[in-house]
Amino acid sequence: MGKMLTEAYVIAATRSPIGKAPRGMLRHVRPDDLLVSVLRSALAKAEGLDPALIEDAIVGCSFPEGEQGLNVARMSVLLAGLPKSVGGATVNRYCASGLTAVAMAADRIRSGEAGVMIAAGVESMSMVPMMGHWPSINPGAVLNENIGMAYGMGLTAEKVATQWQVSRADQDQFALESHLKAIAAQDAGEFADETTPIDIVERKADLKSGEVRLEKRTVAKDEGARADTSLEVLARLKPVFAAKGSVTAGNSSQTSDGAGALILASEEIVTRHNLKPLARFVSFSVRGVPPEIMGIGPKEAVPAALKSAGLSQDQIEWIELNEAFAAQSLAVIRDLGLDPRRINPMGGAIALGHPLGATGAIRSATVIHALKRRQLKYGMVTMCVGTGMGAAGIFERV
């Protein structure tokens, strides 16, 4: 007889503000230090939890090398001062790394193997660029039958725009709305509950005195949203991936730095220690699609996650659909018939940024706090994934 599954509850969820890469506010903050900050914050928010109960930390990272290498999960757990009994594993599913970490942590709990888990994601695209420092793709990826594996993300977005007939005008309009929604949410303070301010220490040389000054400041606001953009500004940008294409820097996600962390606990732990859960983890799904149209991945993952949860699409009241590109976001929305009013109500990656392996954990924090703030029941995080995948995770407010 197999074990009966238990429930996994999110008892804390937070994230850093997102910085622009490679020259933004977090460019000099090591990713492991950034992760340490959100881990400590998540622990502080999990009131009543004994850190000794935490068994493992699973951390998503798209390019786990350099400053975010050496098993950044375990390194950050130790640097954060958590008990040495807490393990650490780094996982990579590119843009869905953070969400995969949440799902894996939840599964450990639901199977009865763990009582309390950390799930997180981190990425500094300022310190570790897209593809990493020393990319070396398998030569077999450029053979005719495999060549989609070698396409850059921008080219896959162009292919999706063509196949799903998403116009340049529609992409630019979508991008503008992302910025407008993000600015409105920032002005209303809607990101405050989910965001952990980050202290930054910078060294500035004083050429007259020959001394190096330490300047300290605290950042708490996402850096990418632009109040000064417009359709006219977006329309002037040239395509960057295909000469006659429609995908531009303005209707694509921003390269970014950031981290997010959640703490999950079993129903038994929640009850025994009188913890206050924010949400229940409901389901997760990942599905593969042809690599050359990777951006359409959520159209396969979303129905699978809904089926696993026993929910209908109209029951999901808040959807964080990662805006890798406006082209793929619009293609997914139209293909699935999603309600645009429920998609990224506070803006998405075009305005707020996309720190790759951290995004799934960051957007999980966003949807969990949004459900609580708006008194909604079900929310979803979904994204396309490089090399042709889609992932989706569903949360229920409790």
Protein backbone atom coordinates (compact mmCIF):
# COMPACT_ATOMS: atom_id res chain seq x y z
CA MET A 1 0.00 0.00 0.00
CA GLY A 2 1.33 3.46 -0.93
CA LYS A 3 1.39 6.37 1.46
CA MET A 4 -1.50 8.81 1.51
CA LEU A 5 -0.38 12.21 0.30
CA THR A 6 -0.46 15.04 2.80
CA GLU A 7 -0.81 18.74 2.01
CA ALA A 8 2.05 21.20 1.56
CA TYR A 9 1.44 24.75 2.77
CA VAL A 10 3.41 27.90 2.07
CA ILE A 11 4.06 29.61 5.40
CA ALA A 12 6.36 32.36 4.09
CA ALA A 13 7.04 33.83 0.66
CA THR A 14 9.25 36.77 -0.16
CA ARG A 15 11.58 38.10 -2.79
CA SER A 16 14.16 40.77 -3.44
CA PRO A 17 13.44 43.80 -5.57
CA ILE A 18 14.49 43.07 -9.15
CA GLY A 19 17.46 44.98 -10.55
CA LYS A 20 18.31 45.64 -14.17
CA ALA A 21 21.31 43.80 -15.59
CA PRO A 22 24.11 44.35 -16.23
CA ARG A 23 24.28 47.94 -14.96
CA GLY A 24 21.46 48.13 -12.43
CA MET A 25 21.18 48.59 -8.69
CA LEU A 26 22.09 44.98 -7.79
CA ARG A 27 25.01 44.62 -10.19
CA HIS A 28 27.58 44.48 -7.38
CA VAL A 29 25.53 42.22 -5.08
CA ARG A 30 26.67 38.63 -5.23
CA PRO A 31 23.77 36.26 -6.00
CA ASP A 32 24.55 34.09 -3.00
CA ASP A 33 24.42 37.18 -0.76
CA LEU A 34 21.13 38.17 -2.39
CA LEU A 35 19.76 34.72 -1.67
CA VAL A 36 20.99 34.92 1.92
CA SER A 37 18.96 38.10 2.41
CA VAL A 38 15.69 36.57 1.20
CA LEU A 39 16.30 33.32 3.11
CA ARG A 40 16.73 35.23 6.36
CA SER A 41 13.67 37.32 5.58
CA ALA A 42 11.53 34.28 4.79
CA LEU A 43 12.59 32.69 8.07
CA ALA A 44 11.68 35.86 9.98
CA LYS A 45 8.26 35.89 8.33
CA ALA A 46 7.59 32.25 9.28
CA GLU A 47 6.59 33.22 12.81
CA GLY A 48 6.68 30.37 15.28
CA LEU A 49 8.82 28.09 13.10
CA ASP A 50 11.85 26.50 14.72
CA PRO A 51 14.62 26.59 12.07
CA ALA A 52 15.77 23.18 13.30
CA LEU A 53 12.65 21.71 11.68
CA ILE A 54 13.83 22.67 8.17
CA GLU A 55 15.24 19.64 6.42
CA ASP A 56 16.41 20.82 3.01
CA ALA A 57 16.64 23.79 0.66
CA ILE A 58 16.05 23.45 -3.07
CA VAL A 59 17.17 26.46 -5.10
CA GLY A 60 16.61 27.13 -8.79
CA CYS A 61 19.34 28.76 -10.87
CA SER A 62 19.61 28.83 -14.67
CA PHE A 63 23.37 29.23 -14.89
CA PRO A 64 24.84 27.80 -11.68
CA GLU A 65 28.45 28.81 -12.16
CA GLY A 66 30.78 31.61 -11.07
CA GLU A 67 29.32 33.57 -8.17
CA GLN A 68 26.22 31.36 -8.20
CA GLY A 69 28.06 28.08 -8.55
CA LEU A 70 29.49 25.65 -5.97
CA ASN A 71 25.96 24.47 -5.10
CA VAL A 72 24.64 27.95 -4.34
CA ALA A 73 21.78 26.38 -2.35
CA ARG A 74 23.96 24.79 0.33
CA MET A 75 26.43 27.68 0.36
CA SER A 76 23.62 30.19 0.95
CA VAL A 77 21.99 28.09 3.66
CA LEU A 78 25.28 28.10 5.56
CA LEU A 79 25.97 31.79 4.93
CA ALA A 80 22.44 32.65 6.10
CA GLY A 81 23.20 31.07 9.47
CA LEU A 82 20.58 28.33 9.22
CA PRO A 83 21.24 25.15 11.19
CA LYS A 84 23.94 23.03 9.58
CA SER A 85 21.43 20.19 9.51
CA VAL A 86 19.61 21.96 6.65
CA GLY A 87 20.68 20.51 3.31
CA GLY A 88 20.88 22.27 -0.02
CA ALA A 89 20.45 21.31 -3.68
CA THR A 90 20.60 23.51 -6.77
CA VAL A 91 18.27 22.65 -9.66
CA ASN A 92 18.17 23.93 -13.22
CA ARG A 93 15.17 24.06 -15.51
CA TYR A 94 16.16 27.41 -17.00
CA CYS A 95 13.28 29.89 -16.62
CA ALA A 96 11.23 27.41 -14.57
CA SER A 97 14.04 26.61 -12.13
CA GLY A 98 12.48 28.53 -9.25
CA LEU A 99 9.03 27.07 -9.82
CA THR A 100 10.50 23.59 -10.14
CA ALA A 101 12.23 24.11 -6.79
CA VAL A 102 8.86 24.97 -5.23
CA ALA A 103 7.25 21.87 -6.75
CA MET A 104 10.08 19.59 -5.65
CA ALA A 105 9.97 20.96 -2.10
CA ALA A 106 6.20 20.51 -2.01
CA ASP A 107 6.50 16.94 -3.28
CA ARG A 108 8.95 16.04 -0.50
CA ILE A 109 6.36 17.23 1.99
CA ARG A 110 3.34 15.72 0.24
CA SER A 111 5.02 12.32 0.09
CA GLY A 112 5.74 12.42 3.82
CA GLU A 113 9.51 12.53 3.41
CA ALA A 114 9.92 16.01 4.90
CA GLY A 115 8.05 18.30 7.27
CA VAL A 116 9.55 21.69 6.38
CA MET A 117 11.36 22.71 3.21
CA ILE A 118 12.84 25.84 1.69
CA ALA A 119 12.24 26.52 -2.00
CA ALA A 120 14.02 29.40 -3.68
CA GLY A 121 15.52 30.80 -6.84
CA VAL A 122 18.39 33.15 -7.59
CA GLU A 123 20.03 34.68 -10.65
CA SER A 124 22.49 37.50 -11.22
CA MET A 125 22.59 38.18 -14.94
CA SER A 126 24.99 41.00 -14.16
CA MET A 127 27.61 38.60 -12.83
CA VAL A 128 26.77 35.46 -14.83
CA PRO A 129 25.54 36.35 -18.33
CA MET A 130 23.00 34.47 -20.43
CA MET A 131 24.53 31.13 -21.52
CA GLY A 132 27.15 31.42 -18.77
CA HIS A 133 30.80 32.37 -19.10
CA TRP A 134 31.96 29.39 -21.17
CA PRO A 135 29.03 28.03 -23.23
CA SER A 136 29.75 24.85 -25.14
CA ILE A 137 26.75 23.48 -27.00
CA ASN A 138 26.78 19.90 -28.26
CA PRO A 139 27.57 19.89 -32.00
CA GLY A 140 24.64 17.52 -32.51
CA ALA A 141 22.26 20.36 -31.64
CA VAL A 142 22.93 22.03 -34.97
CA LEU A 143 22.03 19.04 -37.09
CA ASN A 144 18.88 19.56 -39.18
CA GLU A 145 16.61 17.40 -37.03
CA ASN A 146 17.90 19.07 -33.83
CA ILE A 147 18.57 22.62 -34.94
CA GLY A 148 15.71 24.03 -32.89
CA MET A 149 17.80 23.27 -29.80
CA ALA A 150 20.39 25.78 -30.99
CA TYR A 151 18.01 28.66 -31.74
CA GLY A 152 18.41 31.75 -29.62
CA MET A 153 15.38 32.71 -27.56
CA GLY A 154 14.66 35.69 -29.78
CA LEU A 155 14.40 33.58 -32.90
CA THR A 156 11.95 31.24 -31.19
CA ALA A 157 9.82 34.28 -30.33
CA GLU A 158 9.88 35.35 -33.97
CA LYS A 159 8.72 31.89 -35.02
CA VAL A 160 5.87 32.00 -32.49
CA ALA A 161 4.87 35.49 -33.68
CA THR A 162 4.72 34.23 -37.25
CA GLN A 163 2.93 30.95 -36.55
CA TRP A 164 0.34 32.49 -34.20
CA GLN A 165 0.09 35.71 -36.24
CA VAL A 166 0.95 38.10 -33.44
CA SER A 167 1.53 41.56 -34.92
CA ARG A 168 4.23 44.05 -33.95
CA ALA A 169 1.52 46.53 -32.93
CA ASP A 170 -0.07 44.00 -30.58
CA GLN A 171 3.30 43.12 -29.06
CA ASP A 172 4.11 46.77 -28.40
CA GLN A 173 0.66 47.38 -26.89
CA PHE A 174 1.14 44.39 -24.59
CA ALA A 175 4.56 45.71 -23.55
CA LEU A 176 3.18 49.16 -22.80
CA GLU A 177 0.42 47.69 -20.66
CA SER A 178 3.01 45.70 -18.70
CA HIS A 179 4.79 48.93 -17.77
CA LEU A 180 1.57 50.80 -16.99
CA LYS A 181 0.31 48.03 -14.71
CA ALA A 182 3.67 47.75 -12.95
CA ILE A 183 3.90 51.50 -12.33
CA ALA A 184 0.32 51.57 -11.01
CA ALA A 185 1.04 48.65 -8.67
CA GLN A 186 4.22 50.28 -7.40
CA ASP A 187 2.43 53.57 -6.78
CA ALA A 188 -0.29 51.72 -4.84
CA GLY A 189 2.30 49.86 -2.73
CA GLU A 190 1.04 46.48 -3.90
CA PHE A 191 4.47 44.86 -3.98
CA ALA A 192 5.33 45.83 -0.41
CA ASP A 193 4.18 42.65 1.35
CA GLU A 194 6.12 40.35 -0.93
CA THR A 195 9.36 42.35 -1.14
CA THR A 196 12.37 42.18 1.14
CA PRO A 197 14.46 45.37 0.99
CA ILE A 198 18.10 44.77 0.15
CA ASP A 199 21.01 46.66 1.71
CA ILE A 200 23.67 47.62 -0.81
CA VAL A 201 27.22 48.62 0.08
CA GLU A 202 29.22 50.28 -2.69
CA ARG A 203 32.84 51.43 -2.68
CA LYS A 204 33.46 54.85 -4.16
CA ALA A 205 36.94 56.22 -4.78
CA ASP A 206 37.65 59.79 -3.69
CA LEU A 207 40.32 60.90 -6.16
CA LYS A 208 41.23 64.02 -4.16
CA SER A 209 41.86 62.29 -0.85
CA GLY A 210 42.92 58.96 -2.27
CA GLU A 211 40.49 57.21 0.03
CA VAL A 212 37.79 54.66 -0.69
CA ARG A 213 34.43 55.49 0.86
CA LEU A 214 31.77 52.96 1.70
CA GLU A 215 28.29 54.11 0.68
CA LYS A 216 25.29 52.23 2.01
CA ARG A 217 21.72 52.36 0.77
CA THR A 218 18.62 50.21 0.86
CA VAL A 219 16.60 49.33 -2.24
CA ALA A 220 13.03 48.07 -2.09
CA LYS A 221 11.56 48.85 -5.51
CA ASP A 222 11.83 46.94 -8.79
CA GLU A 223 14.01 48.90 -11.15
CA GLY A 224 12.69 48.03 -14.58
CA ALA A 225 9.23 49.61 -14.88
CA ARG A 226 9.30 52.77 -17.00
CA ALA A 227 6.77 55.55 -16.66
CA ASP A 228 8.26 57.33 -19.67
CA THR A 229 7.60 54.67 -22.30
CA SER A 230 4.87 54.94 -24.93
CA LEU A 231 3.68 53.26 -28.08
CA GLU A 232 5.63 55.84 -30.06
CA VAL A 233 8.84 55.03 -28.21
CA LEU A 234 8.31 51.29 -28.56
CA ALA A 235 7.49 51.60 -32.26
CA ARG A 236 10.85 53.26 -32.96
CA LEU A 237 12.82 50.27 -31.69
CA LYS A 238 14.29 48.02 -34.34
CA PRO A 239 13.91 44.22 -34.38
CA VAL A 240 16.97 42.62 -32.82
CA PHE A 241 16.66 38.96 -33.82
CA ALA A 242 15.45 39.01 -37.43
CA ALA A 243 15.90 41.76 -40.02
CA LYS A 244 12.22 41.87 -40.88
CA GLY A 245 10.99 40.61 -37.54
CA SER A 246 8.75 42.07 -34.86
CA VAL A 247 10.52 41.18 -31.62
CA THR A 248 12.40 44.12 -30.09
CA ALA A 249 14.15 44.93 -26.84
CA GLY A 250 11.02 46.85 -25.86
CA ASN A 251 8.59 43.94 -26.19
CA SER A 252 10.92 41.36 -24.63
CA SER A 253 11.69 40.62 -20.98
CA GLN A 254 14.52 42.49 -19.32
CA THR A 255 17.73 40.81 -18.21
CA SER A 256 17.74 41.09 -14.44
CA ASP A 257 19.11 40.24 -11.01
CA GLY A 258 16.94 38.91 -8.19
CA ALA A 259 16.05 36.17 -5.73
CA GLY A 260 12.96 34.71 -4.10
CA ALA A 261 12.35 32.26 -1.26
CA LEU A 262 9.41 30.30 0.13
CA ILE A 263 9.11 28.10 3.20
CA LEU A 264 6.73 25.16 2.94
CA ALA A 265 5.45 22.95 5.74
CA SER A 266 3.26 19.90 6.15
CA GLU A 267 -0.23 20.04 7.60
CA GLU A 268 1.04 18.25 10.69
CA ILE A 269 3.77 20.82 11.30
CA VAL A 270 1.36 23.71 10.67
CA THR A 271 -1.11 22.32 13.18
CA ARG A 272 1.39 21.25 15.83
CA HIS A 273 3.25 24.58 15.85
CA ASN A 274 0.23 26.80 15.25
CA LEU A 275 1.71 28.28 12.08
CA LYS A 276 -0.28 30.57 9.80
CA PRO A 277 -0.13 29.35 6.20
CA LEU A 278 -0.53 31.75 3.29
CA ALA A 279 -1.44 29.20 0.64
CA ARG A 280 -1.68 25.53 -0.23
CA PHE A 281 0.44 24.16 -3.04
CA VAL A 282 -2.07 22.50 -5.36
CA SER A 283 -0.35 21.12 -8.47
CA PHE A 284 2.55 21.42 -10.87
CA SER A 285 3.04 20.32 -14.45
CA VAL A 286 5.77 20.51 -17.05
CA ARG A 287 5.41 19.62 -20.71
CA GLY A 288 7.76 19.66 -23.67
CA VAL A 289 7.15 21.43 -26.98
CA PRO A 290 9.30 21.78 -30.14
CA PRO A 291 12.39 23.81 -29.15
CA GLU A 292 11.98 26.21 -32.07
CA ILE A 293 8.64 27.41 -30.64
CA MET A 294 9.60 27.13 -26.97
CA GLY A 295 7.53 30.19 -26.05
CA ILE A 296 4.26 28.34 -26.54
CA GLY A 297 5.12 25.90 -23.72
CA PRO A 298 2.46 27.13 -21.23
CA LYS A 299 -0.32 26.15 -23.62
CA GLU A 300 0.55 22.51 -22.86
CA ALA A 301 1.55 22.88 -19.20
CA VAL A 302 -1.45 24.94 -18.06
CA PRO A 303 -4.15 22.37 -19.03
CA ALA A 304 -2.04 19.61 -17.48
CA ALA A 305 -1.70 21.48 -14.17
CA LEU A 306 -5.45 22.21 -14.16
CA LYS A 307 -6.28 18.57 -14.81
CA SER A 308 -4.00 17.44 -12.00
CA ALA A 309 -5.67 19.93 -9.66
CA GLY A 310 -9.19 19.04 -10.76
CA LEU A 311 -9.86 22.68 -11.61
CA SER A 312 -11.27 24.49 -14.60
CA GLN A 313 -9.49 27.38 -16.26
CA ASP A 314 -12.10 29.92 -15.15
CA GLN A 315 -11.44 29.04 -11.49
CA ILE A 316 -7.94 30.56 -11.71
CA GLU A 317 -8.44 34.18 -10.77
CA TRP A 318 -4.84 35.42 -10.92
CA ILE A 319 -2.25 34.22 -13.45
CA GLU A 320 1.40 35.19 -13.41
CA LEU A 321 2.34 34.37 -17.01
CA ASN A 322 6.02 35.12 -17.37
CA GLU A 323 6.48 37.60 -20.18
CA ALA A 324 9.58 36.20 -21.81
CA PHE A 325 8.36 37.94 -24.95
CA ALA A 326 5.12 39.72 -25.75
CA ALA A 327 4.82 37.49 -28.82
CA GLN A 328 4.72 34.23 -26.88
CA SER A 329 2.60 35.67 -24.07
CA LEU A 330 -0.08 36.79 -26.52
CA ALA A 331 0.11 33.49 -28.41
CA VAL A 332 -0.48 31.54 -25.18
CA ILE A 333 -3.31 33.84 -24.04
CA ARG A 334 -5.10 33.53 -27.37
CA ASP A 335 -4.48 29.82 -27.84
CA LEU A 336 -5.84 28.93 -24.39
CA GLY A 337 -8.53 31.61 -24.35
CA LEU A 338 -7.22 33.10 -21.10
CA ASP A 339 -8.92 36.18 -19.66
CA PRO A 340 -6.44 39.05 -20.23
CA ARG A 341 -7.77 40.81 -17.11
CA ARG A 342 -6.45 37.94 -14.97
CA ILE A 343 -3.00 37.92 -16.60
CA ASN A 344 -0.23 39.80 -14.78
CA PRO A 345 -2.48 42.41 -13.15
CA MET A 346 0.62 44.14 -11.72
CA GLY A 347 2.75 43.88 -14.84
CA GLY A 348 5.15 41.18 -15.93
CA ALA A 349 8.73 40.51 -16.95
CA ILE A 350 8.72 43.08 -19.76
CA ALA A 351 8.41 45.78 -17.11
CA LEU A 352 9.56 44.08 -13.92
CA GLY A 353 12.39 41.95 -15.25
CA HIS A 354 13.18 38.26 -15.58
CA PRO A 355 16.09 36.98 -13.47
CA LEU A 356 15.84 33.57 -15.15
CA GLY A 357 16.12 30.84 -12.50
CA ALA A 358 14.74 33.12 -9.78
CA THR A 359 11.57 34.14 -11.62
CA GLY A 360 9.45 31.12 -10.66
CA ALA A 361 10.08 31.69 -6.94
CA ILE A 362 9.64 35.45 -7.30
CA ARG A 363 6.34 35.19 -9.14
CA SER A 364 5.14 32.54 -6.68
CA ALA A 365 5.59 35.12 -3.93
CA THR A 366 3.70 37.62 -6.07
CA VAL A 367 0.67 35.42 -6.69
CA ILE A 368 0.51 34.13 -3.10
CA HIS A 369 0.41 37.64 -1.65
CA ALA A 370 -1.98 38.84 -4.36
CA LEU A 371 -4.45 36.08 -3.49
CA LYS A 372 -4.33 37.15 0.14
CA ARG A 373 -4.58 40.86 -0.61
CA ARG A 374 -7.45 40.54 -3.09
CA GLN A 375 -9.16 37.66 -1.23
CA LEU A 376 -9.03 35.39 -4.28
CA LYS A 377 -8.97 31.59 -4.13
CA TYR A 378 -6.74 30.15 -6.86
CA GLY A 379 -3.67 31.56 -8.60
CA MET A 380 -1.16 30.20 -11.10
CA VAL A 381 2.44 30.78 -12.11
CA THR A 382 3.38 29.66 -15.61
CA MET A 383 6.20 30.19 -18.05
CA CYS A 384 7.87 28.99 -21.20
CA VAL A 385 11.28 27.37 -20.83
CA GLY A 386 14.36 27.28 -23.06
CA THR A 387 14.88 24.22 -25.28
CA GLY A 388 11.12 23.80 -25.53
CA MET A 389 9.18 23.34 -22.32
CA GLY A 390 6.32 24.91 -20.42
CA ALA A 391 5.70 24.79 -16.67
CA ALA A 392 2.74 25.72 -14.51
CA GLY A 393 2.06 25.67 -10.77
CA ILE A 394 -1.19 26.35 -8.93
CA PHE A 395 -1.69 27.79 -5.42
CA GLU A 396 -4.81 28.09 -3.26
CA ARG A 397 -5.26 30.81 -0.64
CA VAL A 398 -6.01 29.45 2.81
